[in-house]
C-alpha atoms as a PDB file:
ATOM      1  CA  UNK A   1      34.679  27.646 -31.452  1.00  0.00           C
ATOM      2  CA  UNK A   2      32.458  25.634 -33.882  1.00  0.00           C
ATOM      3  CA  UNK A   3      30.085  28.075 -35.519  1.00  0.00           C
ATOM      4  CA  UNK A   4      27.408  25.438 -36.100  1.00  0.00           C
ATOM      5  CA  UNK A   5      27.326  24.643 -32.361  1.00  0.00           C
ATOM      6  CA  UNK A   6      26.949  28.345 -31.607  1.00  0.00           C
ATOM      7  CA  UNK A   7      24.145  28.743 -34.153  1.00  0.00           C
ATOM      8  CA  UNK A   8      22.233  25.747 -32.789  1.00  0.00           C
ATOM      9  CA  UNK A   9      22.719  27.067 -29.256  1.00  0.00           C
ATOM     10  CA  UNK A  10      21.059  30.362 -30.267  1.00  0.00           C
ATOM     11  CA  UNK A  11      18.200  28.444 -31.913  1.00  0.00           C
ATOM     12  CA  UNK A  12      17.765  26.548 -28.656  1.00  0.00           C
ATOM     13  CA  UNK A  13      17.526  29.792 -26.705  1.00  0.00           C
ATOM     14  CA  UNK A  14      14.811  30.985 -29.094  1.00  0.00           C
ATOM     15  CA  UNK A  15      12.872  27.750 -28.539  1.00  0.00           C
ATOM     16  CA  UNK A  16      13.129  28.249 -24.781  1.00  0.00           C
ATOM     17  CA  UNK A  17      11.729  31.768 -24.940  1.00  0.00           C
ATOM     18  CA  UNK A  18       8.822  30.813 -27.214  1.00  0.00           C
ATOM     19  CA  UNK A  19       8.072  27.648 -25.278  1.00  0.00           C
ATOM     20  CA  UNK A  20       7.997  29.512 -21.979  1.00  0.00           C
ATOM     21  CA  UNK A  21       5.507  32.048 -23.344  1.00  0.00           C
ATOM     22  CA  UNK A  22       3.126  29.357 -24.600  1.00  0.00           C
ATOM     23  CA  UNK A  23       3.489  27.253 -21.466  1.00  0.00           C
ATOM     24  CA  UNK A  24       2.651  30.123 -19.112  1.00  0.00           C
ATOM     25  CA  UNK A  25      -0.320  31.259 -21.216  1.00  0.00           C
ATOM     26  CA  UNK A  26      -1.827  27.804 -21.438  1.00  0.00           C
ATOM     27  CA  UNK A  27      -1.078  26.765 -17.855  1.00  0.00           C
ATOM     28  CA  UNK A  28      -2.526  29.945 -16.343  1.00  0.00           C
ATOM     29  CA  UNK A  29      -5.691  29.615 -18.405  1.00  0.00           C
ATOM     30  CA  UNK A  30      -6.116  25.931 -17.535  1.00  0.00           C
ATOM     31  CA  UNK A  31      -5.665  26.758 -13.862  1.00  0.00           C
ATOM     32  CA  UNK A  32      -8.443  29.308 -14.151  1.00  0.00           C
ATOM     33  CA  UNK A  33     -10.805  27.015 -16.035  1.00  0.00           C
ATOM     34  CA  UNK A  34     -10.285  24.084 -13.656  1.00  0.00           C
ATOM     35  CA  UNK A  35     -10.445  26.194 -10.518  1.00  0.00           C
ATOM     36  CA  UNK A  36      -6.897  25.204  -9.474  1.00  0.00           C
ATOM     37  CA  UNK A  37      -4.515  27.798  -7.962  1.00  0.00           C
ATOM     38  CA  UNK A  38      -1.688  28.855 -10.271  1.00  0.00           C
ATOM     39  CA  UNK A  39       0.850  27.818  -7.619  1.00  0.00           C
ATOM     40  CA  UNK A  40      -0.345  24.196  -7.809  1.00  0.00           C
ATOM     41  CA  UNK A  41      -0.081  24.290 -11.607  1.00  0.00           C
ATOM     42  CA  UNK A  42       3.379  25.818 -11.310  1.00  0.00           C
ATOM     43  CA  UNK A  43       4.628  23.243  -8.834  1.00  0.00           C
ATOM     44  CA  UNK A  44       3.306  20.317 -10.910  1.00  0.00           C
ATOM     45  CA  UNK A  45       2.667  20.781 -14.660  1.00  0.00           C
ATOM     46  CA  UNK A  46       5.047  23.689 -15.230  1.00  0.00           C
ATOM     47  CA  UNK A  47       7.769  22.333 -12.948  1.00  0.00           C
ATOM     48  CA  UNK A  48       7.606  18.886 -14.530  1.00  0.00           C
ATOM     49  CA  UNK A  49       7.736  20.353 -18.014  1.00  0.00           C
ATOM     50  CA  UNK A  50      10.677  22.636 -17.309  1.00  0.00           C
ATOM     51  CA  UNK A  51      12.496  19.753 -15.575  1.00  0.00           C
ATOM     52  CA  UNK A  52      12.250  17.609 -18.702  1.00  0.00           C
ATOM     53  CA  UNK A  53      15.692  18.703 -20.015  1.00  0.00           C
ATOM     54  CA  UNK A  54      17.328  17.675 -16.722  1.00  0.00           C
ATOM     55  CA  UNK A  55      15.592  14.296 -16.922  1.00  0.00           C
ATOM     56  CA  UNK A  56      16.741  13.728 -20.512  1.00  0.00           C
ATOM     57  CA  UNK A  57      20.337  14.662 -19.695  1.00  0.00           C
ATOM     58  CA  UNK A  58      20.364  12.592 -16.487  1.00  0.00           C
ATOM     59  CA  UNK A  59      19.073   9.400 -18.122  1.00  0.00           C
ATOM     60  CA  UNK A  60      21.468   9.754 -21.038  1.00  0.00           C
ATOM     61  CA  UNK A  61      24.413  10.420 -18.739  1.00  0.00           C
ATOM     62  CA  UNK A  62      23.500   7.603 -16.320  1.00  0.00           C
ATOM     63  CA  UNK A  63      23.208   5.129 -19.187  1.00  0.00           C
ATOM     64  CA  UNK A  64      26.682   6.175 -20.328  1.00  0.00           C
ATOM     65  CA  UNK A  65      28.069   5.798 -16.799  1.00  0.00           C
ATOM     66  CA  UNK A  66      28.828   9.515 -16.447  1.00  0.00           C
ATOM     67  CA  UNK A  67      27.754  10.024 -12.818  1.00  0.00           C
ATOM     68  CA  UNK A  68      29.620  13.316 -12.579  1.00  0.00           C
ATOM     69  CA  UNK A  69      27.399  14.849 -15.222  1.00  0.00           C
ATOM     70  CA  UNK A  70      24.211  13.521 -13.563  1.00  0.00           C
ATOM     71  CA  UNK A  71      25.069  14.782 -10.075  1.00  0.00           C
ATOM     72  CA  UNK A  72      26.459  18.048 -11.413  1.00  0.00           C
ATOM     73  CA  UNK A  73      23.366  18.616 -13.534  1.00  0.00           C
ATOM     74  CA  UNK A  74      20.895  18.056 -10.675  1.00  0.00           C
ATOM     75  CA  UNK A  75      22.823  19.860  -7.937  1.00  0.00           C
ATOM     76  CA  UNK A  76      23.859  22.679 -10.265  1.00  0.00           C
ATOM     77  CA  UNK A  77      20.300  23.101 -11.546  1.00  0.00           C
ATOM     78  CA  UNK A  78      18.887  23.332  -8.012  1.00  0.00           C
ATOM     79  CA  UNK A  79      21.488  25.949  -7.095  1.00  0.00           C
ATOM     80  CA  UNK A  80      20.712  27.871 -10.287  1.00  0.00           C
ATOM     81  CA  UNK A  81      16.945  27.643  -9.693  1.00  0.00           C
ATOM     82  CA  UNK A  82      17.189  29.445  -6.350  1.00  0.00           C
ATOM     83  CA  UNK A  83      20.175  31.762  -6.773  1.00  0.00           C
ATOM     84  CA  UNK A  84      20.045  32.563 -10.486  1.00  0.00           C
ATOM     85  CA  UNK A  85      16.341  32.311 -11.343  1.00  0.00           C
ATOM     86  CA  UNK A  86      14.762  33.801  -8.204  1.00  0.00           C
ATOM     87  CA  UNK A  87      17.564  36.359  -8.111  1.00  0.00           C
ATOM     88  CA  UNK A  88      17.134  37.393 -11.742  1.00  0.00           C
ATOM     89  CA  UNK A  89      13.352  37.602 -11.488  1.00  0.00           C
ATOM     90  CA  UNK A  90      13.684  39.611  -8.261  1.00  0.00           C
ATOM     91  CA  UNK A  91      15.900  42.099 -10.110  1.00  0.00           C
ATOM     92  CA  UNK A  92      13.316  42.430 -12.886  1.00  0.00           C
ATOM     93  CA  UNK A  93      10.133  42.591 -10.824  1.00  0.00           C
ATOM     94  CA  UNK A  94       9.390  42.003  -7.108  1.00  0.00           C
ATOM     95  CA  UNK A  95       7.949  38.602  -6.162  1.00  0.00           C
ATOM     96  CA  UNK A  96       5.586  38.491  -3.187  1.00  0.00           C
ATOM     97  CA  UNK A  97       5.902  35.268  -1.173  1.00  0.00           C
ATOM     98  CA  UNK A  98       2.602  34.249   0.399  1.00  0.00           C
ATOM     99  CA  UNK A  99       3.437  31.879   3.264  1.00  0.00           C
ATOM    100  CA  UNK A 100      -0.014  30.243   3.159  1.00  0.00           C
ATOM    101  CA  UNK A 101       0.591  29.146  -0.423  1.00  0.00           C
ATOM    102  CA  UNK A 102       4.165  27.862  -0.308  1.00  0.00           C
ATOM    103  CA  UNK A 103       4.538  26.641   3.304  1.00  0.00           C
ATOM    104  CA  UNK A 104       4.256  22.906   2.713  1.00  0.00           C
ATOM    105  CA  UNK A 105       6.160  22.815  -0.584  1.00  0.00           C
ATOM    106  CA  UNK A 106       9.174  24.821   0.601  1.00  0.00           C
ATOM    107  CA  UNK A 107       9.514  22.522   3.615  1.00  0.00           C
ATOM    108  CA  UNK A 108       9.279  19.521   1.283  1.00  0.00           C
ATOM    109  CA  UNK A 109      12.029  21.020  -0.865  1.00  0.00           C
ATOM    110  CA  UNK A 110      14.279  21.474   2.169  1.00  0.00           C
ATOM    111  CA  UNK A 111      13.498  17.930   3.322  1.00  0.00           C
ATOM    112  CA  UNK A 112      14.314  16.432  -0.089  1.00  0.00           C
ATOM    113  CA  UNK A 113      17.552  18.426  -0.217  1.00  0.00           C
ATOM    114  CA  UNK A 114      18.533  17.227   3.250  1.00  0.00           C
ATOM    115  CA  UNK A 115      17.792  13.591   2.338  1.00  0.00           C
ATOM    116  CA  UNK A 116      20.031  13.762  -0.751  1.00  0.00           C
ATOM    117  CA  UNK A 117      22.724  15.534   1.269  1.00  0.00           C
ATOM    118  CA  UNK A 118      22.689  12.718   3.835  1.00  0.00           C
ATOM    119  CA  UNK A 119      22.752  10.067   1.110  1.00  0.00           C
ATOM    120  CA  UNK A 120      25.833  11.567  -0.507  1.00  0.00           C
ATOM    121  CA  UNK A 121      27.664  12.480   2.695  1.00  0.00           C
ATOM    122  CA  UNK A 122      27.167   9.496   5.040  1.00  0.00           C
ATOM    123  CA  UNK A 123      27.374   5.763   4.380  1.00  0.00           C
ATOM    124  CA  UNK A 124      25.364   3.019   6.155  1.00  0.00           C
ATOM    125  CA  UNK A 125      27.708   3.230   9.154  1.00  0.00           C
ATOM    126  CA  UNK A 126      27.250   7.016   9.368  1.00  0.00           C
ATOM    127  CA  UNK A 127      30.834   7.475   8.206  1.00  0.00           C
ATOM    128  CA  UNK A 128      31.480  10.884   6.694  1.00  0.00           C
ATOM    129  CA  UNK A 129      32.687  10.905   3.091  1.00  0.00           C
ATOM    130  CA  UNK A 130      31.673  10.898  -0.555  1.00  0.00           C
ATOM    131  CA  UNK A 131      29.181   8.059  -0.921  1.00  0.00           C
ATOM    132  CA  UNK A 132      27.379   6.824  -4.059  1.00  0.00           C
ATOM    133  CA  UNK A 133      23.612   6.936  -4.488  1.00  0.00           C
ATOM    134  CA  UNK A 134      22.663   3.276  -4.873  1.00  0.00           C
ATOM    135  CA  UNK A 135      19.679   1.743  -6.644  1.00  0.00           C
ATOM    136  CA  UNK A 136      17.778   1.115  -3.403  1.00  0.00           C
ATOM    137  CA  UNK A 137      18.195   4.772  -2.443  1.00  0.00           C
ATOM    138  CA  UNK A 138      16.933   5.691  -5.901  1.00  0.00           C
ATOM    139  CA  UNK A 139      13.782   3.652  -5.271  1.00  0.00           C
ATOM    140  CA  UNK A 140      13.299   5.521  -1.983  1.00  0.00           C
ATOM    141  CA  UNK A 141      13.558   8.838  -3.819  1.00  0.00           C
ATOM    142  CA  UNK A 142      10.993   7.702  -6.383  1.00  0.00           C
ATOM    143  CA  UNK A 143       8.564   6.617  -3.648  1.00  0.00           C
ATOM    144  CA  UNK A 144       8.914  10.051  -2.043  1.00  0.00           C
ATOM    145  CA  UNK A 145       8.192  11.598  -5.434  1.00  0.00           C
ATOM    146  CA  UNK A 146       4.974   9.569  -5.711  1.00  0.00           C
ATOM    147  CA  UNK A 147       3.939  10.830  -2.276  1.00  0.00           C
ATOM    148  CA  UNK A 148       4.667  14.417  -3.348  1.00  0.00           C
ATOM    149  CA  UNK A 149       2.615  14.024  -6.520  1.00  0.00           C
ATOM    150  CA  UNK A 150      -0.334  12.572  -4.612  1.00  0.00           C
ATOM    151  CA  UNK A 151      -0.162  15.416  -2.080  1.00  0.00           C
ATOM    152  CA  UNK A 152      -0.234  18.032  -4.853  1.00  0.00           C
ATOM    153  CA  UNK A 153      -3.202  16.320  -6.502  1.00  0.00           C
ATOM    154  CA  UNK A 154      -5.102  16.371  -3.219  1.00  0.00           C
ATOM    155  CA  UNK A 155      -4.227  20.019  -2.576  1.00  0.00           C
ATOM    156  CA  UNK A 156      -5.336  21.037  -6.046  1.00  0.00           C
ATOM    157  CA  UNK A 157      -8.663  19.287  -5.568  1.00  0.00           C
ATOM    158  CA  UNK A 158      -9.268  20.821  -2.134  1.00  0.00           C
ATOM    159  CA  UNK A 159      -8.378  24.340  -3.256  1.00  0.00           C
ATOM    160  CA  UNK A 160     -11.088  24.609  -5.911  1.00  0.00           C
ATOM    161  CA  UNK A 161     -13.754  26.168  -3.690  1.00  0.00           C
ATOM    162  CA  UNK A 162     -11.330  28.526  -1.946  1.00  0.00           C
ATOM    163  CA  UNK A 163     -10.223  30.088  -5.214  1.00  0.00           C
ATOM    164  CA  UNK A 164     -13.621  30.049  -6.955  1.00  0.00           C
ATOM    165  CA  UNK A 165     -14.190  33.816  -6.993  1.00  0.00           C
ATOM    166  CA  UNK A 166     -10.671  34.610  -8.182  1.00  0.00           C
ATOM    167  CA  UNK A 167     -10.900  31.940 -10.858  1.00  0.00           C
ATOM    168  CA  UNK A 168     -14.182  33.266 -12.284  1.00  0.00           C
ATOM    169  CA  UNK A 169     -12.633  36.687 -12.782  1.00  0.00           C
ATOM    170  CA  UNK A 170      -9.527  35.187 -14.400  1.00  0.00           C
ATOM    171  CA  UNK A 171     -11.611  33.017 -16.729  1.00  0.00           C
ATOM    172  CA  UNK A 172     -13.523  36.077 -17.872  1.00  0.00           C
ATOM    173  CA  UNK A 173     -10.257  37.884 -18.562  1.00  0.00           C
ATOM    174  CA  UNK A 174      -8.507  34.979 -20.284  1.00  0.00           C
ATOM    175  CA  UNK A 175     -11.419  33.979 -22.492  1.00  0.00           C
ATOM    176  CA  UNK A 176     -12.090  37.583 -23.521  1.00  0.00           C
ATOM    177  CA  UNK A 177     -15.755  37.643 -22.540  1.00  0.00           C
ATOM    178  CA  UNK A 178     -15.889  41.302 -21.566  1.00  0.00           C
ATOM    179  CA  UNK A 179     -18.854  43.606 -22.208  1.00  0.00           C
ATOM    180  CA  UNK A 180     -17.558  44.704 -25.602  1.00  0.00           C
ATOM    181  CA  UNK A 181     -17.191  41.132 -26.859  1.00  0.00           C
ATOM    182  CA  UNK A 182     -20.607  40.114 -25.561  1.00  0.00           C
ATOM    183  CA  UNK A 183     -22.195  43.130 -27.174  1.00  0.00           C
ATOM    184  CA  UNK A 184     -20.942  42.104 -30.610  1.00  0.00           C
ATOM    185  CA  UNK A 185     -23.099  39.201 -31.860  1.00  0.00           C
ATOM    186  CA  UNK A 186     -20.937  38.734 -34.974  1.00  0.00           C
ATOM    187  CA  UNK A 187     -17.823  37.929 -32.924  1.00  0.00           C
ATOM    188  CA  UNK A 188     -17.471  34.179 -32.253  1.00  0.00           C
ATOM    189  CA  UNK A 189     -17.396  33.045 -28.644  1.00  0.00           C
ATOM    190  CA  UNK A 190     -15.183  30.153 -27.588  1.00  0.00           C
ATOM    191  CA  UNK A 191     -16.891  27.529 -25.461  1.00  0.00           C
ATOM    192  CA  UNK A 192     -15.226  26.109 -22.354  1.00  0.00           C
ATOM    193  CA  UNK A 193     -14.198  22.787 -24.040  1.00  0.00           C
ATOM    194  CA  UNK A 194     -12.731  24.642 -27.024  1.00  0.00           C
ATOM    195  CA  UNK A 195     -10.843  27.008 -24.761  1.00  0.00           C
ATOM    196  CA  UNK A 196      -9.518  24.085 -22.717  1.00  0.00           C
ATOM    197  CA  UNK A 197      -8.421  22.269 -25.868  1.00  0.00           C
ATOM    198  CA  UNK A 198      -6.573  25.318 -27.205  1.00  0.00           C
ATOM    199  CA  UNK A 199      -4.896  25.889 -23.836  1.00  0.00           C
ATOM    200  CA  UNK A 200      -3.853  22.230 -23.686  1.00  0.00           C
ATOM    201  CA  UNK A 201      -2.298  22.554 -27.138  1.00  0.00           C
ATOM    202  CA  UNK A 202      -0.411  25.634 -25.959  1.00  0.00           C
ATOM    203  CA  UNK A 203       0.933  23.742 -22.943  1.00  0.00           C
ATOM    204  CA  UNK A 204       1.973  20.740 -25.053  1.00  0.00           C
ATOM    205  CA  UNK A 205       3.597  22.924 -27.722  1.00  0.00           C
ATOM    206  CA  UNK A 206       5.326  24.988 -25.042  1.00  0.00           C
ATOM    207  CA  UNK A 207       6.674  21.888 -23.304  1.00  0.00           C
ATOM    208  CA  UNK A 208       7.890  20.490 -26.631  1.00  0.00           C
ATOM    209  CA  UNK A 209       9.739  23.706 -27.447  1.00  0.00           C
ATOM    210  CA  UNK A 210      11.268  23.778 -23.957  1.00  0.00           C
ATOM    211  CA  UNK A 211      12.531  20.207 -24.302  1.00  0.00           C
ATOM    212  CA  UNK A 212      13.924  20.840 -27.789  1.00  0.00           C
ATOM    213  CA  UNK A 213      15.430  24.150 -26.760  1.00  0.00           C
ATOM    214  CA  UNK A 214      16.973  22.691 -23.617  1.00  0.00           C
ATOM    215  CA  UNK A 215      18.465  19.801 -25.576  1.00  0.00           C
ATOM    216  CA  UNK A 216      19.943  22.134 -28.206  1.00  0.00           C
ATOM    217  CA  UNK A 217      21.416  24.453 -25.580  1.00  0.00           C
ATOM    218  CA  UNK A 218      22.892  21.652 -23.453  1.00  0.00           C
ATOM    219  CA  UNK A 219      24.285  19.558 -26.306  1.00  0.00           C
ATOM    220  CA  UNK A 220      25.944  22.409 -28.139  1.00  0.00           C
ATOM    221  CA  UNK A 221      27.113  24.287 -25.033  1.00  0.00           C
ATOM    222  CA  UNK A 222      28.690  21.087 -23.704  1.00  0.00           C
ATOM    223  CA  UNK A 223      30.336  20.504 -27.083  1.00  0.00           C
ATOM    224  CA  UNK A 224      31.817  23.989 -26.995  1.00  0.00           C
ATOM    225  CA  UNK A 225      33.002  23.500 -23.397  1.00  0.00           C
ATOM    226  CA  UNK A 226      34.567  20.100 -24.115  1.00  0.00           C
ATOM    227  CA  UNK A 227      36.612  21.638 -26.902  1.00  0.00           C
ATOM    228  CA  UNK A 228      38.379  23.572 -24.132  1.00  0.00           C
ATOM    229  CA  UNK A 229      39.041  20.425 -22.051  1.00  0.00           C
ATOM    230  CA  UNK A 230      36.603  21.049 -19.177  1.00  0.00           C
ATOM    231  CA  UNK A 231      35.731  18.100 -16.859  1.00  0.00           C
ATOM    232  CA  UNK A 232      32.269  16.510 -16.832  1.00  0.00           C
ATOM    233  CA  UNK A 233      31.601  17.647 -13.236  1.00  0.00           C
ATOM    234  CA  UNK A 234      32.356  21.286 -14.088  1.00  0.00           C
ATOM    235  CA  UNK A 235      30.327  21.027 -17.300  1.00  0.00           C
ATOM    236  CA  UNK A 236      27.420  19.570 -15.317  1.00  0.00           C
ATOM    237  CA  UNK A 237      27.553  22.269 -12.645  1.00  0.00           C
ATOM    238  CA  UNK A 238      27.936  25.176 -15.047  1.00  0.00           C
ATOM    239  CA  UNK A 239      27.098  24.793 -18.733  1.00  0.00           C
ATOM    240  CA  UNK A 240      24.617  21.916 -18.446  1.00  0.00           C
ATOM    241  CA  UNK A 241      23.064  23.123 -15.170  1.00  0.00           C
ATOM    242  CA  UNK A 242      22.494  26.616 -16.516  1.00  0.00           C
ATOM    243  CA  UNK A 243      21.357  25.237 -19.868  1.00  0.00           C
ATOM    244  CA  UNK A 244      18.795  22.871 -18.370  1.00  0.00           C
ATOM    245  CA  UNK A 245      17.650  25.650 -16.012  1.00  0.00           C
ATOM    246  CA  UNK A 246      16.945  28.003 -18.910  1.00  0.00           C
ATOM    247  CA  UNK A 247      13.375  26.672 -19.295  1.00  0.00           C
ATOM    248  CA  UNK A 248      12.729  27.528 -15.632  1.00  0.00           C
ATOM    249  CA  UNK A 249      14.366  30.925 -16.091  1.00  0.00           C
ATOM    250  CA  UNK A 250      12.429  31.753 -19.255  1.00  0.00           C
ATOM    251  CA  UNK A 251       9.153  30.527 -17.733  1.00  0.00           C
ATOM    252  CA  UNK A 252       9.777  32.397 -14.474  1.00  0.00           C
ATOM    253  CA  UNK A 253      10.510  35.703 -16.231  1.00  0.00           C
ATOM    254  CA  UNK A 254       7.410  35.439 -18.423  1.00  0.00           C
ATOM    255  CA  UNK A 255       5.243  34.424 -15.458  1.00  0.00           C
ATOM    256  CA  UNK A 256       6.598  37.277 -13.315  1.00  0.00           C
ATOM    257  CA  UNK A 257       5.978  39.847 -16.043  1.00  0.00           C
ATOM    258  CA  UNK A 258       2.420  38.516 -16.316  1.00  0.00           C
ATOM    259  CA  UNK A 259       2.014  38.936 -12.533  1.00  0.00           C
ATOM    260  CA  UNK A 260       1.834  35.186 -11.835  1.00  0.00           C
ATOM    261  CA  UNK A 261       4.160  35.274  -8.812  1.00  0.00           C
ATOM    262  CA  UNK A 262       2.737  32.014  -7.454  1.00  0.00           C
ATOM    263  CA  UNK A 263       3.666  30.256 -10.683  1.00  0.00           C
ATOM    264  CA  UNK A 264       7.251  31.542 -10.384  1.00  0.00           C
ATOM    265  CA  UNK A 265       7.610  30.170  -6.858  1.00  0.00           C
ATOM    266  CA  UNK A 266       5.827  26.947  -7.747  1.00  0.00           C
ATOM    267  CA  UNK A 267       8.064  26.448 -10.774  1.00  0.00           C
ATOM    268  CA  UNK A 268      11.277  26.871  -8.778  1.00  0.00           C
ATOM    269  CA  UNK A 269      10.208  24.808  -5.758  1.00  0.00           C
ATOM    270  CA  UNK A 270       8.595  22.090  -7.861  1.00  0.00           C
ATOM    271  CA  UNK A 271      11.581  21.847 -10.206  1.00  0.00           C
ATOM    272  CA  UNK A 272      13.969  21.430  -7.278  1.00  0.00           C
ATOM    273  CA  UNK A 273      11.822  18.685  -5.781  1.00  0.00           C
ATOM    274  CA  UNK A 274      11.487  16.952  -9.152  1.00  0.00           C
ATOM    275  CA  UNK A 275      15.250  17.153  -9.729  1.00  0.00           C
ATOM    276  CA  UNK A 276      16.057  15.562  -6.374  1.00  0.00           C
ATOM    277  CA  UNK A 277      13.328  12.927  -6.160  1.00  0.00           C
ATOM    278  CA  UNK A 278      12.391  12.073  -9.741  1.00  0.00           C
ATOM    279  CA  UNK A 279      15.567  12.709 -11.733  1.00  0.00           C
ATOM    280  CA  UNK A 280      18.089  11.442  -9.190  1.00  0.00           C
ATOM    281  CA  UNK A 281      15.724   8.563  -8.414  1.00  0.00           C
ATOM    282  CA  UNK A 282      15.433   7.504 -12.060  1.00  0.00           C
ATOM    283  CA  UNK A 283      19.131   8.005 -12.810  1.00  0.00           C
ATOM    284  CA  UNK A 284      20.339   6.072  -9.758  1.00  0.00           C
ATOM    285  CA  UNK A 285      18.029   3.139 -10.541  1.00  0.00           C
ATOM    286  CA  UNK A 286      19.491   3.031 -14.048  1.00  0.00           C
ATOM    287  CA  UNK A 287      23.015   2.978 -12.612  1.00  0.00           C
ATOM    288  CA  UNK A 288      24.470   3.757  -9.136  1.00  0.00           C
ATOM    289  CA  UNK A 289      25.825   7.302  -9.048  1.00  0.00           C
ATOM    290  CA  UNK A 290      29.342   7.843  -7.743  1.00  0.00           C
ATOM    291  CA  UNK A 291      29.852  11.098  -5.839  1.00  0.00           C
ATOM    292  CA  UNK A 292      33.120  13.034  -5.825  1.00  0.00           C
ATOM    293  CA  UNK A 293      34.701  14.669  -2.792  1.00  0.00           C
ATOM    294  CA  UNK A 294      34.350  18.110  -4.397  1.00  0.00           C
ATOM    295  CA  UNK A 295      30.601  17.539  -4.692  1.00  0.00           C
ATOM    296  CA  UNK A 296      30.313  16.737  -0.988  1.00  0.00           C
ATOM    297  CA  UNK A 297      32.606  19.547   0.155  1.00  0.00           C
ATOM    298  CA  UNK A 298      31.267  22.381  -2.034  1.00  0.00           C
ATOM    299  CA  UNK A 299      28.257  21.641  -4.226  1.00  0.00           C
ATOM    300  CA  UNK A 300      25.877  19.836  -1.858  1.00  0.00           C
ATOM    301  CA  UNK A 301      26.462  22.268   1.070  1.00  0.00           C
ATOM    302  CA  UNK A 302      25.715  25.242  -1.215  1.00  0.00           C
ATOM    303  CA  UNK A 303      22.533  23.565  -2.472  1.00  0.00           C
ATOM    304  CA  UNK A 304      21.460  22.814   1.100  1.00  0.00           C
ATOM    305  CA  UNK A 305      22.242  26.355   2.284  1.00  0.00           C
ATOM    306  CA  UNK A 306      20.159  27.927  -0.502  1.00  0.00           C
ATOM    307  CA  UNK A 307      17.242  25.596   0.232  1.00  0.00           C
ATOM    308  CA  UNK A 308      17.469  26.608   3.905  1.00  0.00           C
ATOM    309  CA  UNK A 309      17.490  30.302   2.958  1.00  0.00           C
ATOM    310  CA  UNK A 310      14.204  29.816   1.090  1.00  0.00           C
ATOM    311  CA  UNK A 311      12.394  28.708   4.259  1.00  0.00           C
ATOM    312  CA  UNK A 312      12.457  32.004   6.252  1.00  0.00           C
ATOM    313  CA  UNK A 313      12.265  33.981   3.021  1.00  0.00           C
ATOM    314  CA  UNK A 314       9.068  32.330   1.818  1.00  0.00           C
ATOM    315  CA  UNK A 315       7.435  31.413   5.112  1.00  0.00           C
ATOM    316  CA  UNK A 316       7.929  34.941   6.367  1.00  0.00           C
ATOM    317  CA  UNK A 317       5.722  36.275   3.592  1.00  0.00           C
ATOM    318  CA  UNK A 318       8.512  38.553   2.369  1.00  0.00           C
ATOM    319  CA  UNK A 319       9.029  40.041  -1.056  1.00  0.00           C
ATOM    320  CA  UNK A 320      11.983  39.039  -3.217  1.00  0.00           C
ATOM    321  CA  UNK A 321      12.972  42.447  -4.509  1.00  0.00           C
ATOM    322  CA  UNK A 322      16.072  43.950  -6.073  1.00  0.00           C
ATOM    323  CA  UNK A 323      18.251  43.745  -2.953  1.00  0.00           C
ATOM    324  CA  UNK A 324      17.446  40.105  -2.265  1.00  0.00           C
ATOM    325  CA  UNK A 325      17.576  39.244  -5.947  1.00  0.00           C
ATOM    326  CA  UNK A 326      20.916  40.964  -6.338  1.00  0.00           C
ATOM    327  CA  UNK A 327      22.336  39.103  -3.335  1.00  0.00           C
ATOM    328  CA  UNK A 328      21.171  35.770  -4.789  1.00  0.00           C
ATOM    329  CA  UNK A 329      22.717  36.491  -8.191  1.00  0.00           C
ATOM    330  CA  UNK A 330      26.006  37.602  -6.612  1.00  0.00           C
ATOM    331  CA  UNK A 331      26.096  34.422  -4.537  1.00  0.00           C
ATOM    332  CA  UNK A 332      25.583  32.379  -7.699  1.00  0.00           C
ATOM    333  CA  UNK A 333      28.401  34.140  -9.511  1.00  0.00           C
ATOM    334  CA  UNK A 334      30.637  33.557  -6.487  1.00  0.00           C
ATOM    335  CA  UNK A 335      29.730  29.870  -6.453  1.00  0.00           C
ATOM    336  CA  UNK A 336      30.551  29.486 -10.158  1.00  0.00           C
ATOM    337  CA  UNK A 337      33.873  31.184  -9.525  1.00  0.00           C
ATOM    338  CA  UNK A 338      34.639  28.699  -6.743  1.00  0.00           C
ATOM    339  CA  UNK A 339      33.718  25.763  -9.007  1.00  0.00           C
ATOM    340  CA  UNK A 340      36.065  26.949 -11.744  1.00  0.00           C
ATOM    341  CA  UNK A 341      38.915  27.785  -9.358  1.00  0.00           C
ATOM    342  CA  UNK A 342      38.696  24.450  -7.513  1.00  0.00           C
ATOM    343  CA  UNK A 343      38.271  22.365 -10.676  1.00  0.00           C
END
């Protein structure tokens, strides 16, 4: 095993951890200052930022004609987001699912997953088989992504008044304007614009570290895997999928420990939607994506099943605790075992 690849992989992991911490801090504070619910920030800004590694890998792979890596990366990342990330966070700390907050987005995620499943499973004559995602279908996915983005913008704008009281308390906490600070005239007080600017820098720096960290992890992990003769589909579903999901995992753990459960759910749901609509849409417009039979038989059904599981779990207002988290992690390990055995 090349030691330089291993060293760079560890550096990438460090970038992911630091980037996640800065991203969550800045995003939560911006949400408070703007009066936008943390879920909306999680499903848009945070999800887009943590999906950046998948986008980079997908465009690079599509340009090189490696459809197996593109499909494996997207499908594998969506499976990892639900089974690995929600499962791991559930094992660490319980996540309360508020149906009022996630209802529309989780249904959108299931709808996007079903659309991609139909695209890859049926051709124009509704014939069952492994079918490529063509450029026109990529344009359709991108148009759906635009609709999703507009819907989130509208929701964020409409939610300002509803969350006003909660936001005022969070602003006071995040900007450190408690009684002790106000009582000390010598201690400088940050104005709202200054606070917003600092938070924006944190978000940008966090996103940059996540992108760099994700690239280091993916590139060097794939290099290590290729030295053992592993196929691009398996690399995409395992090494690359897990590697590009590390920003979501790191961000989700930090957000959960900071009691931002809505940001955890928003990050996972938003990342899955971005992967399916934005990343597959962009990659398939660059070059049509061929789909293998193994993808249709195993990978896509697992992705669809996990998306379907999220609907009653999140709409029912349940808590993802240790039992549910453990079951999700076990299912992910079982899936990886099936991928390796059937490779």
